[in-house]
């Protein structure tokens, strides 16, 4: 019964931690998994033998979940950027990774890349022509 109560508490706190951006709640969620680790370290659930492979996996999983919840809160602060041209503010949460242009596979992007490549080629050709034929 104690195992189920602790597991229910940990699951509830973890769910709330993932739904909220408050870092203190995420820290509490991670620490609750450490509490779960400490409990099952000395009191393996059911017929699991202490020190067995299953017991070790449960311990590693509980530490992993604890770290995952705490680390998920590191980049979740609300960042605010001002769009000076449009006089609007944009609010975003979490990490934002921008893919490099060469990884963007959308059709518009491909057409834009081809157009820019043609423009660069034309500029290069014009520059080379002027360098090779200075009198013309």
N, C-alpha and C. Protein backbone atom coordinates (compact mmCIF):
# COMPACT_ATOMS: atom_id res chain seq x y z
N UNK A 1 0.82 -1.20 0.00
CA UNK A 1 0.00 0.00 0.00
C UNK A 1 0.87 1.26 0.00
N UNK A 2 1.93 1.24 0.78
CA UNK A 2 2.82 2.40 0.83
C UNK A 2 3.45 2.65 -0.53
N UNK A 3 3.83 1.57 -1.21
CA UNK A 3 4.42 1.68 -2.55
C UNK A 3 3.45 2.36 -3.51
N UNK A 4 2.19 1.94 -3.51
CA UNK A 4 1.19 2.54 -4.40
C UNK A 4 0.90 3.99 -4.04
N UNK A 5 0.91 4.30 -2.74
CA UNK A 5 0.67 5.69 -2.31
C UNK A 5 1.80 6.60 -2.78
N UNK A 6 3.04 6.14 -2.59
CA UNK A 6 4.18 6.95 -3.03
C UNK A 6 4.18 7.08 -4.55
N UNK A 7 3.89 6.01 -5.27
CA UNK A 7 3.84 6.05 -6.72
C UNK A 7 2.73 6.99 -7.21
N UNK A 8 1.58 6.98 -6.55
CA UNK A 8 0.50 7.90 -6.91
C UNK A 8 0.88 9.35 -6.66
N UNK A 9 1.54 9.61 -5.53
CA UNK A 9 2.01 10.96 -5.22
C UNK A 9 3.02 11.44 -6.26
N UNK A 10 3.97 10.58 -6.58
CA UNK A 10 5.02 10.92 -7.55
C UNK A 10 4.41 11.17 -8.92
N UNK A 11 3.46 10.33 -9.33
CA UNK A 11 2.82 10.51 -10.64
C UNK A 11 2.04 11.82 -10.70
N UNK A 12 1.34 12.15 -9.63
CA UNK A 12 0.56 13.39 -9.60
C UNK A 12 1.47 14.63 -9.65
N UNK A 13 2.51 14.63 -8.84
CA UNK A 13 3.44 15.76 -8.83
C UNK A 13 4.15 15.88 -10.18
N UNK A 14 4.50 14.74 -10.79
CA UNK A 14 5.18 14.77 -12.09
C UNK A 14 4.26 15.32 -13.17
N UNK A 15 3.00 14.92 -13.15
CA UNK A 15 2.04 15.42 -14.13
C UNK A 15 1.88 16.94 -13.99
N UNK A 16 1.73 17.40 -12.76
CA UNK A 16 1.60 18.84 -12.53
C UNK A 16 2.87 19.59 -12.93
N UNK A 17 4.02 18.98 -12.69
CA UNK A 17 5.28 19.63 -13.04
C UNK A 17 5.42 19.80 -14.54
N UNK A 18 4.98 18.81 -15.32
CA UNK A 18 5.07 18.92 -16.76
C UNK A 18 4.06 19.90 -17.33
N UNK A 19 2.95 20.08 -16.66
CA UNK A 19 1.91 20.99 -17.15
C UNK A 19 2.17 22.44 -16.78
N UNK A 20 3.04 22.69 -15.82
CA UNK A 20 3.28 24.03 -15.32
C UNK A 20 4.69 24.48 -15.68
N UNK A 21 4.91 25.77 -15.80
CA UNK A 21 6.24 26.28 -16.13
C UNK A 21 7.01 26.73 -14.89
N UNK A 22 6.44 26.62 -13.72
CA UNK A 22 7.10 27.03 -12.48
C UNK A 22 8.21 26.05 -12.14
N UNK A 23 9.45 26.56 -12.06
CA UNK A 23 10.60 25.67 -11.85
C UNK A 23 10.56 24.99 -10.48
N UNK A 24 10.03 25.67 -9.47
CA UNK A 24 9.94 25.06 -8.14
C UNK A 24 9.11 23.79 -8.14
N UNK A 25 8.04 23.79 -8.93
CA UNK A 25 7.20 22.59 -9.03
C UNK A 25 7.95 21.48 -9.76
N UNK A 26 8.74 21.85 -10.76
CA UNK A 26 9.54 20.85 -11.46
C UNK A 26 10.61 20.26 -10.54
N UNK A 27 11.19 21.11 -9.70
CA UNK A 27 12.18 20.63 -8.74
C UNK A 27 11.52 19.68 -7.74
N UNK A 28 10.32 20.02 -7.29
CA UNK A 28 9.58 19.15 -6.38
C UNK A 28 9.25 17.82 -7.05
N UNK A 29 8.88 17.87 -8.34
CA UNK A 29 8.60 16.63 -9.08
C UNK A 29 9.83 15.75 -9.18
N UNK A 30 10.99 16.36 -9.46
CA UNK A 30 12.22 15.58 -9.54
C UNK A 30 12.60 14.99 -8.19
N UNK A 31 12.43 15.77 -7.15
CA UNK A 31 12.77 15.28 -5.81
C UNK A 31 11.80 14.18 -5.36
N UNK A 32 10.57 14.22 -5.86
CA UNK A 32 9.64 13.15 -5.50
C UNK A 32 10.09 11.82 -6.11
N UNK A 33 10.71 11.87 -7.29
CA UNK A 33 11.26 10.63 -7.86
C UNK A 33 12.46 10.15 -7.06
N UNK A 34 13.20 11.06 -6.47
CA UNK A 34 14.31 10.66 -5.59
C UNK A 34 13.74 10.00 -4.33
N UNK A 35 12.63 10.52 -3.83
CA UNK A 35 11.94 9.89 -2.70
C UNK A 35 11.50 8.47 -3.08
N UNK A 36 10.96 8.32 -4.28
CA UNK A 36 10.55 7.00 -4.78
C UNK A 36 11.77 6.08 -4.86
N UNK A 37 12.90 6.60 -5.35
CA UNK A 37 14.13 5.82 -5.43
C UNK A 37 14.55 5.32 -4.04
N UNK A 38 14.54 6.26 -3.07
CA UNK A 38 14.96 5.89 -1.71
C UNK A 38 14.04 4.83 -1.10
N UNK A 39 12.75 4.91 -1.42
CA UNK A 39 11.83 3.92 -0.86
C UNK A 39 12.05 2.54 -1.48
N UNK A 40 12.13 2.49 -2.83
CA UNK A 40 12.24 1.16 -3.45
C UNK A 40 13.65 0.58 -3.35
N UNK A 41 14.63 1.41 -2.97
CA UNK A 41 15.98 0.89 -2.76
C UNK A 41 15.99 -0.09 -1.58
N UNK A 42 15.30 0.26 -0.53
CA UNK A 42 15.28 -0.60 0.65
C UNK A 42 14.06 -1.53 0.69
N UNK A 43 13.00 -1.18 -0.02
CA UNK A 43 11.76 -1.97 -0.02
C UNK A 43 11.35 -2.31 -1.45
N UNK A 44 11.97 -3.32 -2.07
CA UNK A 44 11.59 -3.64 -3.44
C UNK A 44 10.12 -4.08 -3.51
N UNK A 45 9.41 -3.65 -4.55
CA UNK A 45 7.98 -3.97 -4.63
C UNK A 45 7.74 -5.44 -4.98
N UNK A 46 6.69 -6.00 -4.37
CA UNK A 46 6.23 -7.35 -4.71
C UNK A 46 7.27 -8.42 -4.50
N UNK A 47 7.40 -9.28 -5.51
CA UNK A 47 8.32 -10.41 -5.41
C UNK A 47 9.69 -10.11 -6.01
N UNK A 48 9.97 -8.87 -6.27
CA UNK A 48 11.27 -8.50 -6.84
C UNK A 48 12.33 -8.61 -5.75
N UNK A 49 13.40 -9.34 -6.07
CA UNK A 49 14.47 -9.55 -5.11
C UNK A 49 15.39 -8.33 -5.09
N UNK A 50 15.78 -7.92 -3.90
CA UNK A 50 16.65 -6.76 -3.77
C UNK A 50 18.00 -7.05 -4.42
N UNK A 51 18.45 -6.16 -5.30
CA UNK A 51 19.72 -6.32 -5.99
C UNK A 51 19.61 -7.04 -7.32
N UNK A 52 18.42 -7.52 -7.67
CA UNK A 52 18.26 -8.21 -8.96
C UNK A 52 18.29 -7.20 -10.10
N UNK A 53 18.32 -7.72 -11.32
CA UNK A 53 18.38 -6.85 -12.50
C UNK A 53 17.13 -5.97 -12.59
N UNK A 54 15.97 -6.52 -12.28
CA UNK A 54 14.72 -5.75 -12.35
C UNK A 54 14.74 -4.63 -11.31
N UNK A 55 15.22 -4.93 -10.13
CA UNK A 55 15.32 -3.94 -9.07
C UNK A 55 16.26 -2.81 -9.48
N UNK A 56 17.39 -3.16 -10.08
CA UNK A 56 18.35 -2.16 -10.55
C UNK A 56 17.75 -1.29 -11.64
N UNK A 57 16.99 -1.90 -12.56
CA UNK A 57 16.34 -1.14 -13.63
C UNK A 57 15.33 -0.15 -13.05
N UNK A 58 14.56 -0.58 -12.06
CA UNK A 58 13.61 0.33 -11.40
C UNK A 58 14.32 1.51 -10.75
N UNK A 59 15.46 1.26 -10.13
CA UNK A 59 16.22 2.33 -9.50
C UNK A 59 16.75 3.31 -10.55
N UNK A 60 17.28 2.79 -11.65
CA UNK A 60 17.81 3.65 -12.70
C UNK A 60 16.69 4.47 -13.34
N UNK A 61 15.54 3.85 -13.56
CA UNK A 61 14.40 4.55 -14.16
C UNK A 61 13.92 5.67 -13.24
N UNK A 62 13.87 5.42 -11.95
CA UNK A 62 13.40 6.47 -11.03
C UNK A 62 14.37 7.65 -10.99
N UNK A 63 15.67 7.39 -11.01
CA UNK A 63 16.64 8.48 -11.06
C UNK A 63 16.54 9.21 -12.40
N UNK A 64 16.37 8.47 -13.48
CA UNK A 64 16.22 9.09 -14.81
C UNK A 64 15.02 10.00 -14.89
N UNK A 65 13.88 9.56 -14.38
CA UNK A 65 12.68 10.40 -14.38
C UNK A 65 12.89 11.66 -13.54
N UNK A 66 13.55 11.50 -12.40
CA UNK A 66 13.81 12.65 -11.55
C UNK A 66 14.66 13.70 -12.25
N UNK A 67 15.71 13.26 -12.89
CA UNK A 67 16.58 14.19 -13.63
C UNK A 67 15.86 14.80 -14.82
N UNK A 68 15.05 13.99 -15.51
CA UNK A 68 14.33 14.46 -16.69
C UNK A 68 13.39 15.60 -16.33
N UNK A 69 12.67 15.46 -15.24
CA UNK A 69 11.72 16.50 -14.85
C UNK A 69 12.44 17.78 -14.46
N UNK A 70 13.52 17.66 -13.70
CA UNK A 70 14.25 18.86 -13.29
C UNK A 70 14.89 19.54 -14.50
N UNK A 71 15.50 18.77 -15.37
CA UNK A 71 16.16 19.35 -16.54
C UNK A 71 15.17 19.92 -17.55
N UNK A 72 13.94 19.42 -17.55
CA UNK A 72 12.95 19.97 -18.48
C UNK A 72 12.58 21.40 -18.11
N UNK A 73 12.82 21.79 -16.88
CA UNK A 73 12.48 23.13 -16.45
C UNK A 73 13.54 24.17 -16.71
N UNK A 74 14.72 23.75 -17.18
CA UNK A 74 15.80 24.71 -17.36
C UNK A 74 15.55 25.67 -18.52
N UNK A 75 14.90 25.23 -19.57
CA UNK A 75 14.70 26.10 -20.71
C UNK A 75 13.28 26.56 -20.88
N UNK A 76 12.47 26.38 -19.86
CA UNK A 76 11.05 26.67 -20.00
C UNK A 76 10.66 28.07 -19.59
N UNK A 77 11.60 28.91 -19.24
CA UNK A 77 11.25 30.27 -18.84
C UNK A 77 10.61 31.01 -19.98
N UNK A 78 9.72 31.89 -19.66
CA UNK A 78 9.05 32.65 -20.71
C UNK A 78 10.00 33.72 -21.21
N UNK A 79 10.23 33.70 -22.49
CA UNK A 79 11.08 34.73 -23.07
C UNK A 79 10.20 35.66 -23.88
N UNK A 80 10.51 36.92 -23.79
CA UNK A 80 9.69 37.92 -24.48
C UNK A 80 10.57 38.69 -25.44
N UNK A 81 10.14 38.72 -26.66
CA UNK A 81 10.87 39.49 -27.66
C UNK A 81 9.94 40.50 -28.27
N UNK A 82 10.48 41.63 -28.58
CA UNK A 82 9.68 42.70 -29.19
C UNK A 82 9.92 42.70 -30.68
N UNK A 83 8.84 42.79 -31.44
CA UNK A 83 8.96 42.97 -32.87
C UNK A 83 8.88 44.46 -33.12
N UNK A 84 10.02 45.06 -33.36
CA UNK A 84 10.08 46.51 -33.48
C UNK A 84 9.37 47.01 -34.73
N UNK A 85 9.38 46.25 -35.78
CA UNK A 85 8.75 46.70 -37.01
C UNK A 85 7.23 46.72 -36.91
N UNK A 86 6.68 45.74 -36.22
CA UNK A 86 5.22 45.61 -36.16
C UNK A 86 4.63 46.11 -34.85
N UNK A 87 5.48 46.51 -33.92
CA UNK A 87 5.04 47.02 -32.61
C UNK A 87 4.16 46.00 -31.89
N UNK A 88 4.53 44.72 -31.99
CA UNK A 88 3.81 43.66 -31.30
C UNK A 88 4.80 42.93 -30.42
N UNK A 89 4.29 42.26 -29.41
CA UNK A 89 5.17 41.44 -28.59
C UNK A 89 4.80 39.98 -28.80
N UNK A 90 5.81 39.16 -28.77
CA UNK A 90 5.60 37.74 -28.98
C UNK A 90 6.13 37.02 -27.76
N UNK A 91 5.34 36.10 -27.20
CA UNK A 91 5.75 35.35 -26.03
C UNK A 91 5.89 33.90 -26.44
N UNK A 92 7.00 33.28 -26.04
CA UNK A 92 7.22 31.88 -26.39
C UNK A 92 7.80 31.16 -25.19
N UNK A 93 7.58 29.87 -25.13
CA UNK A 93 8.08 29.07 -24.03
C UNK A 93 8.98 27.98 -24.58
N UNK A 94 9.94 27.56 -23.78
CA UNK A 94 10.77 26.43 -24.12
C UNK A 94 11.91 26.77 -25.06
N UNK A 95 12.63 25.73 -25.44
CA UNK A 95 13.73 25.89 -26.37
C UNK A 95 13.18 26.01 -27.77
N UNK A 96 13.82 26.81 -28.58
CA UNK A 96 13.44 26.93 -29.98
C UNK A 96 14.69 26.72 -30.81
N UNK A 97 14.66 25.66 -31.59
CA UNK A 97 15.78 25.36 -32.44
C UNK A 97 15.42 25.72 -33.87
N UNK A 98 16.27 26.50 -34.53
CA UNK A 98 16.05 26.88 -35.92
C UNK A 98 16.88 25.95 -36.77
N UNK A 99 16.22 25.27 -37.70
CA UNK A 99 16.95 24.40 -38.61
C UNK A 99 17.75 25.23 -39.59
N UNK A 100 18.92 24.75 -39.95
CA UNK A 100 19.67 25.46 -40.99
C UNK A 100 18.89 25.44 -42.30
N UNK A 101 19.17 26.40 -43.16
CA UNK A 101 18.44 26.49 -44.42
C UNK A 101 18.60 25.25 -45.26
N UNK A 102 19.75 24.60 -45.22
CA UNK A 102 19.97 23.44 -46.07
C UNK A 102 19.19 22.21 -45.58
N UNK A 103 18.70 22.24 -44.33
CA UNK A 103 17.87 21.14 -43.83
C UNK A 103 16.38 21.38 -44.05
N UNK A 104 16.01 22.58 -44.40
CA UNK A 104 14.61 22.90 -44.63
C UNK A 104 14.20 22.33 -45.99
N UNK A 105 13.22 21.43 -46.00
CA UNK A 105 12.86 20.73 -47.23
C UNK A 105 11.55 21.19 -47.83
N UNK A 106 11.02 22.29 -47.41
CA UNK A 106 9.75 22.74 -47.96
C UNK A 106 9.94 23.19 -49.40
N UNK A 107 8.85 23.17 -50.18
CA UNK A 107 8.91 23.53 -51.60
C UNK A 107 9.32 24.98 -51.79
N UNK A 108 8.77 25.90 -51.01
CA UNK A 108 9.13 27.30 -51.13
C UNK A 108 10.61 27.50 -50.89
N UNK A 109 11.12 26.79 -49.91
CA UNK A 109 12.52 26.93 -49.57
C UNK A 109 13.40 26.42 -50.72
N UNK A 110 13.00 25.33 -51.34
CA UNK A 110 13.77 24.77 -52.45
C UNK A 110 13.80 25.74 -53.63
N UNK A 111 12.65 26.34 -53.93
CA UNK A 111 12.58 27.32 -55.02
C UNK A 111 13.43 28.55 -54.69
N UNK A 112 13.37 28.99 -53.46
CA UNK A 112 14.17 30.14 -53.04
C UNK A 112 15.65 29.84 -53.16
N UNK A 113 16.06 28.64 -52.76
CA UNK A 113 17.46 28.25 -52.87
C UNK A 113 17.91 28.23 -54.33
N UNK A 114 17.07 27.70 -55.19
CA UNK A 114 17.43 27.64 -56.61
C UNK A 114 17.53 29.04 -57.20
N UNK A 115 16.61 29.93 -56.84
CA UNK A 115 16.64 31.30 -57.34
C UNK A 115 17.90 32.02 -56.86
N UNK A 116 18.23 31.86 -55.58
CA UNK A 116 19.43 32.49 -55.05
C UNK A 116 20.69 31.93 -55.70
N UNK A 117 20.70 30.62 -55.97
CA UNK A 117 21.86 30.02 -56.62
C UNK A 117 22.03 30.59 -58.03
N UNK A 118 20.92 30.77 -58.75
CA UNK A 118 21.00 31.34 -60.10
C UNK A 118 21.49 32.79 -60.05
N UNK A 119 20.99 33.57 -59.08
CA UNK A 119 21.44 34.95 -58.93
C UNK A 119 22.93 35.02 -58.62
N UNK A 120 23.39 34.15 -57.73
CA UNK A 120 24.81 34.13 -57.39
C UNK A 120 25.65 33.72 -58.59
N UNK A 121 25.16 32.77 -59.38
CA UNK A 121 25.87 32.34 -60.57
C UNK A 121 25.97 33.48 -61.58
N UNK A 122 24.88 34.20 -61.76
CA UNK A 122 24.90 35.34 -62.69
C UNK A 122 25.87 36.42 -62.22
N UNK A 123 25.88 36.72 -60.93
CA UNK A 123 26.83 37.69 -60.39
C UNK A 123 28.27 37.24 -60.61
N UNK A 124 28.50 35.96 -60.38
CA UNK A 124 29.85 35.41 -60.56
C UNK A 124 30.27 35.51 -62.03
N UNK A 125 29.37 35.14 -62.92
CA UNK A 125 29.68 35.21 -64.35
C UNK A 125 29.97 36.66 -64.79
N UNK A 126 29.17 37.60 -64.31
CA UNK A 126 29.38 39.01 -64.66
C UNK A 126 30.73 39.50 -64.13
N UNK A 127 31.07 39.14 -62.92
CA UNK A 127 32.34 39.54 -62.33
C UNK A 127 33.51 38.93 -63.10
N UNK A 128 33.42 37.67 -63.44
CA UNK A 128 34.48 37.00 -64.19
C UNK A 128 34.61 37.60 -65.59
N UNK A 129 33.50 37.90 -66.23
CA UNK A 129 33.54 38.49 -67.57
C UNK A 129 34.24 39.85 -67.54
N UNK A 130 33.92 40.68 -66.52
CA UNK A 130 34.58 41.97 -66.39
C UNK A 130 36.07 41.82 -66.10
N UNK A 131 36.42 40.81 -65.30
CA UNK A 131 37.84 40.60 -64.97
C UNK A 131 38.63 40.12 -66.18
N UNK A 132 38.02 39.28 -67.03
CA UNK A 132 38.71 38.73 -68.18
C UNK A 132 38.71 39.68 -69.37
N UNK A 133 37.70 40.53 -69.48
CA UNK A 133 37.57 41.46 -70.60
C UNK A 133 37.46 42.89 -70.04
N UNK A 134 38.54 43.47 -69.56
CA UNK A 134 38.46 44.80 -68.94
C UNK A 134 38.17 45.90 -69.94
N UNK A 135 38.44 45.70 -71.21
CA UNK A 135 38.25 46.76 -72.21
C UNK A 135 36.82 46.82 -72.74
N UNK A 136 36.03 45.87 -72.49
CA UNK A 136 34.66 45.84 -73.04
C UNK A 136 33.67 46.43 -72.12
